[in-house]
PDB file of all heavy atoms in Angstrom:
ATOM      1  N   GLN A   1       4.988   2.160  -1.224  1.00  0.00           N
ATOM      2  CA  GLN A   1       5.983   2.934  -1.949  1.00  0.00           C
ATOM      3  C   GLN A   1       7.300   2.211  -1.858  1.00  0.00           C
ATOM      4  O   GLN A   1       7.775   1.920  -0.749  1.00  0.00           O
ATOM      5  CB  GLN A   1       6.090   4.326  -1.417  1.00  0.00           C
ATOM      6  CG  GLN A   1       7.122   5.174  -2.172  1.00  0.00           C
ATOM      7  CD  GLN A   1       7.090   6.636  -1.775  1.00  0.00           C
ATOM      8  OE1 GLN A   1       6.007   7.184  -1.526  1.00  0.00           O
ATOM      9  NE2 GLN A   1       8.248   7.238  -1.714  1.00  0.00           N
ATOM     10  N   SER A   2       7.880   1.922  -3.000  1.00  0.00           N
ATOM     11  CA  SER A   2       9.187   1.217  -3.088  1.00  0.00           C
ATOM     12  C   SER A   2       9.173  -0.046  -2.244  1.00  0.00           C
ATOM     13  O   SER A   2      10.126  -0.343  -1.565  1.00  0.00           O
ATOM     14  CB  SER A   2      10.299   2.176  -2.610  1.00  0.00           C
ATOM     15  OG  SER A   2      10.313   3.350  -3.424  1.00  0.00           O
ATOM     16  N   GLY A   3       8.067  -0.791  -2.304  1.00  0.00           N
ATOM     17  CA  GLY A   3       7.994  -2.074  -1.638  1.00  0.00           C
ATOM     18  C   GLY A   3       7.716  -2.072  -0.184  1.00  0.00           C
ATOM     19  O   GLY A   3       7.826  -3.114   0.466  1.00  0.00           O
ATOM     20  N   VAL A   4       7.425  -0.947   0.443  1.00  0.00           N
ATOM     21  CA  VAL A   4       7.118  -0.877   1.868  1.00  0.00           C
ATOM     22  C   VAL A   4       5.829  -0.049   2.066  1.00  0.00           C
ATOM     23  O   VAL A   4       5.465   0.768   1.257  1.00  0.00           O
ATOM     24  CB  VAL A   4       8.265  -0.250   2.713  1.00  0.00           C
ATOM     25  CG1 VAL A   4       9.517  -1.090   2.657  1.00  0.00           C
ATOM     26  CG2 VAL A   4       8.567   1.161   2.255  1.00  0.00           C
ATOM     27  N   CYS A   5       5.177  -0.296   3.202  1.00  0.00           N
ATOM     28  CA  CYS A   5       3.962   0.441   3.544  1.00  0.00           C
ATOM     29  C   CYS A   5       4.381   1.741   4.260  1.00  0.00           C
ATOM     30  O   CYS A   5       5.106   1.691   5.254  1.00  0.00           O
ATOM     31  CB  CYS A   5       3.072  -0.391   4.455  1.00  0.00           C
ATOM     32  SG  CYS A   5       2.304  -1.765   3.627  1.00  0.00           S
ATOM     33  N   LEU A   6       3.868   2.850   3.732  1.00  0.00           N
ATOM     34  CA  LEU A   6       4.086   4.142   4.362  1.00  0.00           C
ATOM     35  C   LEU A   6       2.749   4.725   4.712  1.00  0.00           C
ATOM     36  O   LEU A   6       1.831   4.706   3.870  1.00  0.00           O
ATOM     37  CB  LEU A   6       4.801   5.088   3.420  1.00  0.00           C
ATOM     38  CG  LEU A   6       6.210   4.715   3.009  1.00  0.00           C
ATOM     39  CD1 LEU A   6       6.753   5.711   1.995  1.00  0.00           C
ATOM     40  CD2 LEU A   6       7.121   4.623   4.202  1.00  0.00           C
ATOM     41  N   CYS A   7       2.571   5.213   5.933  1.00  0.00           N
ATOM     42  CA  CYS A   7       1.319   5.769   6.369  1.00  0.00           C
ATOM     43  C   CYS A   7       1.490   7.269   6.589  1.00  0.00           C
ATOM     44  O   CYS A   7       2.533   7.723   6.980  1.00  0.00           O
ATOM     45  CB  CYS A   7       0.834   5.094   7.663  1.00  0.00           C
ATOM     46  SG  CYS A   7       0.553   3.315   7.429  1.00  0.00           S
ATOM     47  N   GLY A   8       0.416   8.010   6.317  1.00  0.00           N
ATOM     48  CA  GLY A   8       0.445   9.459   6.462  1.00  0.00           C
ATOM     49  C   GLY A   8      -0.846  10.055   6.009  1.00  0.00           C
ATOM     50  O   GLY A   8      -1.901   9.409   6.006  1.00  0.00           O
ATOM     51  N   ILE A   9      -0.789  11.300   5.599  1.00  0.00           N
ATOM     52  CA  ILE A   9      -1.954  12.026   5.106  1.00  0.00           C
ATOM     53  C   ILE A   9      -1.686  12.447   3.668  1.00  0.00           C
ATOM     54  O   ILE A   9      -0.614  12.934   3.354  1.00  0.00           O
ATOM     55  CB  ILE A   9      -2.211  13.272   5.982  1.00  0.00           C
ATOM     56  CG1 ILE A   9      -2.468  12.875   7.420  1.00  0.00           C
ATOM     57  CG2 ILE A   9      -3.375  14.086   5.410  1.00  0.00           C
ATOM     58  CD1 ILE A   9      -2.533  14.029   8.378  1.00  0.00           C
ATOM     59  N   GLY A  10      -2.690  12.236   2.803  1.00  0.00           N
ATOM     60  CA  GLY A  10      -2.545  12.593   1.392  1.00  0.00           C
ATOM     61  C   GLY A  10      -3.805  12.367   0.643  1.00  0.00           C
ATOM     62  O   GLY A  10      -4.888  12.202   1.255  1.00  0.00           O
ATOM     63  N   CYS A  11      -3.729  12.358  -0.647  1.00  0.00           N
ATOM     64  CA  CYS A  11      -4.898  12.133  -1.511  1.00  0.00           C
ATOM     65  C   CYS A  11      -5.481  10.760  -1.358  1.00  0.00           C
ATOM     66  O   CYS A  11      -4.754   9.777  -1.189  1.00  0.00           O
ATOM     67  CB  CYS A  11      -4.514  12.336  -2.976  1.00  0.00           C
ATOM     68  SG  CYS A  11      -3.883  13.960  -3.376  1.00  0.00           S
ATOM     69  N   TYR A  12      -6.822  10.623  -1.417  1.00  0.00           N
ATOM     70  CA  TYR A  12      -7.457   9.334  -1.351  1.00  0.00           C
ATOM     71  C   TYR A  12      -6.882   8.374  -2.387  1.00  0.00           C
ATOM     72  O   TYR A  12      -6.699   7.186  -2.110  1.00  0.00           O
ATOM     73  CB  TYR A  12      -8.983   9.478  -1.647  1.00  0.00           C
ATOM     74  CG  TYR A  12      -9.810   9.804  -0.445  1.00  0.00           C
ATOM     75  CD1 TYR A  12     -10.173  11.142  -0.175  1.00  0.00           C
ATOM     76  CD2 TYR A  12     -10.251   8.808   0.419  1.00  0.00           C
ATOM     77  CE1 TYR A  12     -10.949  11.429   0.938  1.00  0.00           C
ATOM     78  CE2 TYR A  12     -11.016   9.122   1.520  1.00  0.00           C
ATOM     79  CZ  TYR A  12     -11.357  10.426   1.764  1.00  0.00           C
ATOM     80  OH  TYR A  12     -12.122  10.753   2.863  1.00  0.00           O
ATOM     81  N   SER A  13      -6.624   8.886  -3.600  1.00  0.00           N
ATOM     82  CA  SER A  13      -6.184   7.981  -4.677  1.00  0.00           C
ATOM     83  C   SER A  13      -4.792   7.389  -4.400  1.00  0.00           C
ATOM     84  O   SER A  13      -4.479   6.348  -4.924  1.00  0.00           O
ATOM     85  CB  SER A  13      -6.136   8.748  -5.984  1.00  0.00           C
ATOM     86  OG  SER A  13      -5.286   9.880  -5.890  1.00  0.00           O
ATOM     87  N   GLU A  14      -3.990   8.020  -3.551  1.00  0.00           N
ATOM     88  CA  GLU A  14      -2.664   7.485  -3.259  1.00  0.00           C
ATOM     89  C   GLU A  14      -2.637   6.709  -1.946  1.00  0.00           C
ATOM     90  O   GLU A  14      -1.955   5.729  -1.818  1.00  0.00           O
ATOM     91  CB  GLU A  14      -1.656   8.587  -3.223  1.00  0.00           C
ATOM     92  CG  GLU A  14      -1.410   9.185  -4.606  1.00  0.00           C
ATOM     93  CD  GLU A  14      -0.340  10.201  -4.620  1.00  0.00           C
ATOM     94  OE1 GLU A  14       0.726   9.973  -3.985  1.00  0.00           O
ATOM     95  OE2 GLU A  14      -0.526  11.284  -5.223  1.00  0.00           O
ATOM     96  N   TYR A  15      -3.329   7.182  -0.927  1.00  0.00           N
ATOM     97  CA  TYR A  15      -3.361   6.507   0.361  1.00  0.00           C
ATOM     98  C   TYR A  15      -4.591   5.615   0.380  1.00  0.00           C
ATOM     99  O   TYR A  15      -5.542   5.842   1.041  1.00  0.00           O
ATOM    100  CB  TYR A  15      -3.391   7.550   1.484  1.00  0.00           C
ATOM    101  CG  TYR A  15      -2.055   8.208   1.681  1.00  0.00           C
ATOM    102  CD1 TYR A  15      -1.680   9.290   0.889  1.00  0.00           C
ATOM    103  CD2 TYR A  15      -1.127   7.723   2.584  1.00  0.00           C
ATOM    104  CE1 TYR A  15      -0.423   9.898   1.012  1.00  0.00           C
ATOM    105  CE2 TYR A  15       0.109   8.327   2.723  1.00  0.00           C
ATOM    106  CZ  TYR A  15       0.448   9.392   1.941  1.00  0.00           C
ATOM    107  OH  TYR A  15       1.704   9.977   2.090  1.00  0.00           O
ATOM    108  N   ARG A  16      -4.500   4.537  -0.396  1.00  0.00           N
ATOM    109  CA  ARG A  16      -5.686   3.721  -0.666  1.00  0.00           C
ATOM    110  C   ARG A  16      -5.986   2.707   0.399  1.00  0.00           C
ATOM    111  O   ARG A  16      -7.045   2.112   0.442  1.00  0.00           O
ATOM    112  CB  ARG A  16      -5.482   3.004  -2.005  1.00  0.00           C
ATOM    113  CG  ARG A  16      -4.294   2.112  -2.072  1.00  0.00           C
ATOM    114  CD  ARG A  16      -3.937   1.718  -3.475  1.00  0.00           C
ATOM    115  NE  ARG A  16      -4.691   0.593  -3.945  1.00  0.00           N
ATOM    116  CZ  ARG A  16      -4.482  -0.003  -5.085  1.00  0.00           C
ATOM    117  NH1 ARG A  16      -3.561   0.424  -5.915  1.00  0.00           N
ATOM    118  NH2 ARG A  16      -5.184  -1.023  -5.466  1.00  0.00           N
ATOM    119  N   TYR A  17      -5.066   2.457   1.363  1.00  0.00           N
ATOM    120  CA  TYR A  17      -5.274   1.482   2.426  1.00  0.00           C
ATOM    121  C   TYR A  17      -5.638   2.202   3.703  1.00  0.00           C
ATOM    122  O   TYR A  17      -4.950   3.177   4.106  1.00  0.00           O
ATOM    123  CB  TYR A  17      -4.054   0.594   2.635  1.00  0.00           C
ATOM    124  CG  TYR A  17      -3.669  -0.054   1.324  1.00  0.00           C
ATOM    125  CD1 TYR A  17      -2.506   0.355   0.650  1.00  0.00           C
ATOM    126  CD2 TYR A  17      -4.414  -1.092   0.778  1.00  0.00           C
ATOM    127  CE1 TYR A  17      -2.172  -0.248  -0.572  1.00  0.00           C
ATOM    128  CE2 TYR A  17      -4.054  -1.671  -0.416  1.00  0.00           C
ATOM    129  CZ  TYR A  17      -2.956  -1.256  -1.082  1.00  0.00           C
ATOM    130  OH  TYR A  17      -2.582  -1.818  -2.264  1.00  0.00           O
ATOM    131  N   THR A  18      -6.661   1.758   4.411  1.00  0.00           N
ATOM    132  CA  THR A  18      -7.108   2.395   5.596  1.00  0.00           C
ATOM    133  C   THR A  18      -6.157   2.163   6.785  1.00  0.00           C
ATOM    134  O   THR A  18      -5.937   3.046   7.616  1.00  0.00           O
ATOM    135  CB  THR A  18      -8.526   1.893   5.978  1.00  0.00           C
ATOM    136  OG1 THR A  18      -9.363   2.085   4.839  1.00  0.00           O
ATOM    137  CG2 THR A  18      -9.096   2.660   7.156  1.00  0.00           C
ATOM    138  N   THR A  19      -5.623   0.956   6.868  1.00  0.00           N
ATOM    139  CA  THR A  19      -4.754   0.617   7.976  1.00  0.00           C
ATOM    140  C   THR A  19      -3.402   0.052   7.469  1.00  0.00           C
ATOM    141  O   THR A  19      -3.317  -0.386   6.339  1.00  0.00           O
ATOM    142  CB  THR A  19      -5.399  -0.433   8.879  1.00  0.00           C
ATOM    143  OG1 THR A  19      -5.511  -1.687   8.126  1.00  0.00           O
ATOM    144  CG2 THR A  19      -6.716   0.021   9.402  1.00  0.00           C
ATOM    145  N   LYS A  20      -2.419   0.069   8.372  1.00  0.00           N
ATOM    146  CA  LYS A  20      -1.133  -0.518   7.998  1.00  0.00           C
ATOM    147  C   LYS A  20      -1.284  -2.039   7.735  1.00  0.00           C
ATOM    148  O   LYS A  20      -0.618  -2.581   6.873  1.00  0.00           O
ATOM    149  CB  LYS A  20      -0.101  -0.243   9.076  1.00  0.00           C
ATOM    150  CG  LYS A  20       1.315  -0.512   8.626  1.00  0.00           C
ATOM    151  CD  LYS A  20       2.300   0.262   9.447  1.00  0.00           C
ATOM    152  CE  LYS A  20       3.611   0.304   8.724  1.00  0.00           C
ATOM    153  NZ  LYS A  20       4.478   1.327   9.212  1.00  0.00           N
ATOM    154  N   GLU A  21      -2.155  -2.676   8.503  1.00  0.00           N
ATOM    155  CA  GLU A  21      -2.361  -4.123   8.305  1.00  0.00           C
ATOM    156  C   GLU A  21      -2.925  -4.388   6.916  1.00  0.00           C
ATOM    157  O   GLU A  21      -2.520  -5.340   6.227  1.00  0.00           O
ATOM    158  CB  GLU A  21      -3.279  -4.677   9.395  1.00  0.00           C
ATOM    159  CG  GLU A  21      -3.470  -6.193   9.295  1.00  0.00           C
ATOM    160  CD  GLU A  21      -2.160  -6.994   9.339  1.00  0.00           C
ATOM    161  OE1 GLU A  21      -1.213  -6.574   9.984  1.00  0.00           O
ATOM    162  OE2 GLU A  21      -2.109  -8.033   8.681  1.00  0.00           O
ATOM    163  N   GLU A  22      -3.895  -3.584   6.474  1.00  0.00           N
ATOM    164  CA  GLU A  22      -4.436  -3.754   5.157  1.00  0.00           C
ATOM    165  C   GLU A  22      -3.366  -3.573   4.097  1.00  0.00           C
ATOM    166  O   GLU A  22      -3.299  -4.315   3.106  1.00  0.00           O
ATOM    167  CB  GLU A  22      -5.580  -2.745   4.921  1.00  0.00           C
ATOM    168  CG  GLU A  22      -6.248  -2.862   3.601  1.00  0.00           C
ATOM    169  CD  GLU A  22      -7.335  -1.806   3.393  1.00  0.00           C
ATOM    170  OE1 GLU A  22      -7.643  -1.056   4.327  1.00  0.00           O
ATOM    171  OE2 GLU A  22      -7.853  -1.746   2.288  1.00  0.00           O
ATOM    172  N   CYS A  23      -2.493  -2.634   4.281  1.00  0.00           N
ATOM    173  CA  CYS A  23      -1.385  -2.369   3.368  1.00  0.00           C
ATOM    174  C   CYS A  23      -0.424  -3.552   3.362  1.00  0.00           C
ATOM    175  O   CYS A  23       0.017  -4.023   2.316  1.00  0.00           O
ATOM    176  CB  CYS A  23      -0.667  -1.085   3.793  1.00  0.00           C
ATOM    177  SG  CYS A  23       0.665  -0.557   2.694  1.00  0.00           S
ATOM    178  N   ARG A  24      -0.122  -4.091   4.522  1.00  0.00           N
ATOM    179  CA  ARG A  24       0.767  -5.262   4.624  1.00  0.00           C
ATOM    180  C   ARG A  24       0.194  -6.452   3.907  1.00  0.00           C
ATOM    181  O   ARG A  24       0.936  -7.215   3.257  1.00  0.00           O
ATOM    182  CB  ARG A  24       1.060  -5.593   6.061  1.00  0.00           C
ATOM    183  CG  ARG A  24       2.005  -4.597   6.723  1.00  0.00           C
ATOM    184  CD  ARG A  24       2.263  -4.960   8.166  1.00  0.00           C
ATOM    185  NE  ARG A  24       3.173  -3.996   8.779  1.00  0.00           N
ATOM    186  CZ  ARG A  24       3.104  -3.603  10.019  1.00  0.00           C
ATOM    187  NH1 ARG A  24       2.157  -4.119  10.811  1.00  0.00           N
ATOM    188  NH2 ARG A  24       3.953  -2.761  10.508  1.00  0.00           N
ATOM    189  N   LYS A  25      -1.117  -6.669   4.010  1.00  0.00           N
ATOM    190  CA  LYS A  25      -1.750  -7.785   3.315  1.00  0.00           C
ATOM    191  C   LYS A  25      -1.609  -7.617   1.792  1.00  0.00           C
ATOM    192  O   LYS A  25      -1.398  -8.540   1.092  1.00  0.00           O
ATOM    193  CB  LYS A  25      -3.240  -7.850   3.674  1.00  0.00           C
ATOM    194  CG  LYS A  25      -3.509  -8.424   5.043  1.00  0.00           C
ATOM    195  CD  LYS A  25      -4.994  -8.465   5.334  1.00  0.00           C
ATOM    196  CE  LYS A  25      -5.225  -8.976   6.723  1.00  0.00           C
ATOM    197  NZ  LYS A  25      -6.658  -8.977   7.067  1.00  0.00           N
ATOM    198  N   ALA A  26      -1.721  -6.366   1.331  1.00  0.00           N
ATOM    199  CA  ALA A  26      -1.544  -6.076  -0.096  1.00  0.00           C
ATOM    200  C   ALA A  26      -0.130  -6.435  -0.522  1.00  0.00           C
ATOM    201  O   ALA A  26       0.094  -6.973  -1.569  1.00  0.00           O
ATOM    202  CB  ALA A  26      -1.895  -4.626  -0.386  1.00  0.00           C
ATOM    203  N   LEU A  27       0.849  -6.107   0.350  1.00  0.00           N
ATOM    204  CA  LEU A  27       2.247  -6.418   0.028  1.00  0.00           C
ATOM    205  C   LEU A  27       2.484  -7.948  -0.038  1.00  0.00           C
ATOM    206  O   LEU A  27       3.325  -8.398  -0.800  1.00  0.00           O
ATOM    207  CB  LEU A  27       3.172  -5.810   1.060  1.00  0.00           C
ATOM    208  CG  LEU A  27       3.626  -4.392   0.790  1.00  0.00           C
ATOM    209  CD1 LEU A  27       4.443  -3.876   1.942  1.00  0.00           C
ATOM    210  CD2 LEU A  27       4.408  -4.295  -0.477  1.00  0.00           C
ATOM    211  N   ARG A  28       1.748  -8.684   0.785  1.00  0.00           N
ATOM    212  CA  ARG A  28       1.923 -10.137   0.808  1.00  0.00           C
ATOM    213  C   ARG A  28       1.307 -10.832  -0.383  1.00  0.00           C
ATOM    214  O   ARG A  28       1.405 -12.043  -0.510  1.00  0.00           O
ATOM    215  CB  ARG A  28       1.346 -10.705   2.110  1.00  0.00           C
ATOM    216  CG  ARG A  28       2.196 -10.440   3.305  1.00  0.00           C
ATOM    217  CD  ARG A  28       1.809 -11.301   4.487  1.00  0.00           C
ATOM    218  NE  ARG A  28       0.491 -10.981   4.990  1.00  0.00           N
ATOM    219  CZ  ARG A  28       0.228 -10.176   6.030  1.00  0.00           C
ATOM    220  NH1 ARG A  28       1.216  -9.580   6.640  1.00  0.00           N
ATOM    221  NH2 ARG A  28      -0.999  -9.941   6.400  1.00  0.00           N
ATOM    222  N   GLY A  29       0.604 -10.073  -1.255  1.00  0.00           N
ATOM    223  CA  GLY A  29       0.156 -10.703  -2.475  1.00  0.00           C
ATOM    224  C   GLY A  29      -1.339 -10.733  -2.713  1.00  0.00           C
ATOM    225  O   GLY A  29      -1.749 -11.171  -3.780  1.00  0.00           O
ATOM    226  N   SER A  30      -2.168 -10.271  -1.761  1.00  0.00           N
ATOM    227  CA  SER A  30      -3.549 -10.291  -2.052  1.00  0.00           C
ATOM    228  C   SER A  30      -3.900  -9.257  -3.119  1.00  0.00           C
ATOM    229  O   SER A  30      -4.906  -9.361  -3.815  1.00  0.00           O
ATOM    230  CB  SER A  30      -4.402  -9.996  -0.790  1.00  0.00           C
ATOM    231  OG  SER A  30      -4.059  -8.771  -0.229  1.00  0.00           O
ATOM    232  N   ARG A  31      -3.068  -8.275  -3.313  1.00  0.00           N
ATOM    233  CA  ARG A  31      -3.174  -7.309  -4.423  1.00  0.00           C
ATOM    234  C   ARG A  31      -1.791  -7.155  -5.028  1.00  0.00           C
ATOM    235  O   ARG A  31      -0.767  -7.211  -4.359  1.00  0.00           O
ATOM    236  CB  ARG A  31      -3.633  -5.938  -3.884  1.00  0.00           C
ATOM    237  CG  ARG A  31      -5.021  -5.983  -3.313  1.00  0.00           C
ATOM    238  CD  ARG A  31      -5.432  -4.595  -2.926  1.00  0.00           C
ATOM    239  NE  ARG A  31      -6.692  -4.660  -2.158  1.00  0.00           N
ATOM    240  CZ  ARG A  31      -7.277  -3.647  -1.636  1.00  0.00           C
ATOM    241  NH1 ARG A  31      -6.737  -2.439  -1.749  1.00  0.00           N
ATOM    242  NH2 ARG A  31      -8.419  -3.794  -0.986  1.00  0.00           N
ATOM    243  N   ARG A  32      -1.720  -6.997  -6.338  1.00  0.00           N
ATOM    244  CA  ARG A  32      -0.479  -6.923  -7.061  1.00  0.00           C
ATOM    245  C   ARG A  32       0.209  -5.560  -6.836  1.00  0.00           C
ATOM    246  O   ARG A  32      -0.428  -4.524  -6.935  1.00  0.00           O
ATOM    247  CB  ARG A  32      -0.746  -7.127  -8.535  1.00  0.00           C
ATOM    248  CG  ARG A  32       0.487  -7.482  -9.292  1.00  0.00           C
ATOM    249  CD  ARG A  32       0.121  -7.907 -10.711  1.00  0.00           C
ATOM    250  NE  ARG A  32       0.795  -6.976 -11.611  1.00  0.00           N
ATOM    251  CZ  ARG A  32       0.220  -6.110 -12.415  1.00  0.00           C
ATOM    252  NH1 ARG A  32      -1.065  -6.053 -12.486  1.00  0.00           N
ATOM    253  NH2 ARG A  32       0.932  -5.321 -13.173  1.00  0.00           N
ATOM    254  N   ASP A  33       1.475  -5.572  -6.548  1.00  0.00           N
ATOM    255  CA  ASP A  33       2.274  -4.359  -6.382  1.00  0.00           C
ATOM    256  C   ASP A  33       2.835  -3.958  -7.751  1.00  0.00           C
ATOM    257  O   ASP A  33       3.803  -4.505  -8.217  1.00  0.00           O
ATOM    258  CB  ASP A  33       3.395  -4.576  -5.358  1.00  0.00           C
ATOM    259  CG  ASP A  33       4.258  -3.348  -5.161  1.00  0.00           C
ATOM    260  OD1 ASP A  33       3.970  -2.269  -5.736  1.00  0.00           O
ATOM    261  OD2 ASP A  33       5.244  -3.456  -4.423  1.00  0.00           O
ATOM    262  N   VAL A  34       2.184  -2.988  -8.435  1.00  0.00           N
ATOM    263  CA  VAL A  34       2.597  -2.570  -9.729  1.00  0.00           C
ATOM    264  C   VAL A  34       4.001  -1.875  -9.681  1.00  0.00           C
ATOM    265  O   VAL A  34       4.670  -1.775 -10.729  1.00  0.00           O
ATOM    266  CB  VAL A  34       1.585  -1.661 -10.443  1.00  0.00           C
ATOM    267  CG1 VAL A  34       0.290  -2.389 -10.682  1.00  0.00           C
ATOM    268  CG2 VAL A  34       1.332  -0.408  -9.633  1.00  0.00           C
ATOM    269  N   CYS A  35       4.399  -1.432  -8.538  1.00  0.00           N
ATOM    270  CA  CYS A  35       5.705  -0.787  -8.435  1.00  0.00           C
ATOM    271  C   CYS A  35       6.828  -1.805  -8.449  1.00  0.00           C
ATOM    272  O   CYS A  35       8.008  -1.435  -8.614  1.00  0.00           O
ATOM    273  CB  CYS A  35       5.762   0.064  -7.156  1.00  0.00           C
ATOM    274  SG  CYS A  35       4.686   1.505  -7.227  1.00  0.00           S
ATOM    275  N   GLN A  36       6.515  -3.067  -8.301  1.00  0.00           N
ATOM    276  CA  GLN A  36       7.523  -4.143  -8.293  1.00  0.00           C
ATOM    277  C   GLN A  36       8.354  -4.147  -9.577  1.00  0.00           C
ATOM    278  O   GLN A  36       9.520  -4.424  -9.579  1.00  0.00           O
ATOM    279  CB  GLN A  36       6.854  -5.500  -8.128  1.00  0.00           C
ATOM    280  CG  GLN A  36       7.762  -6.609  -7.697  1.00  0.00           C
ATOM    281  CD  GLN A  36       7.894  -6.605  -6.175  1.00  0.00           C
ATOM    282  OE1 GLN A  36       6.952  -6.261  -5.463  1.00  0.00           O
ATOM    283  NE2 GLN A  36       9.043  -6.983  -5.694  1.00  0.00           N
ATOM    284  N   ARG A  37       7.722  -3.755 -10.686  1.00  0.00           N
ATOM    285  CA  ARG A  37       8.411  -3.759 -11.980  1.00  0.00           C
ATOM    286  C   ARG A  37       9.187  -2.485 -12.246  1.00  0.00           C
ATOM    287  O   ARG A  37       9.690  -2.292 -13.356  1.00  0.00           O
ATOM    288  CB  ARG A  37       7.458  -4.088 -13.119  1.00  0.00           C
ATOM    289  CG  ARG A  37       6.266  -3.174 -13.224  1.00  0.00           C
ATOM    290  CD  ARG A  37       5.282  -3.701 -14.243  1.00  0.00           C
ATOM    291  NE  ARG A  37       4.012  -3.009 -14.104  1.00  0.00           N
ATOM    292  CZ  ARG A  37       3.705  -1.867 -14.716  1.00  0.00           C
ATOM    293  NH1 ARG A  37       4.528  -1.350 -15.595  1.00  0.00           N
ATOM    294  NH2 ARG A  37       2.539  -1.287 -14.519  1.00  0.00           N
TER     295      ARG A  37
END
């Protein structure tokens, strides 16, 4: 969210990363951040 990894409890469709590390990898470019635009 807004270019940072936020962890918590919510819907599967929004909290798509299991761990903070997985989320950080996505931020580093292995997955595109559509919020960037």
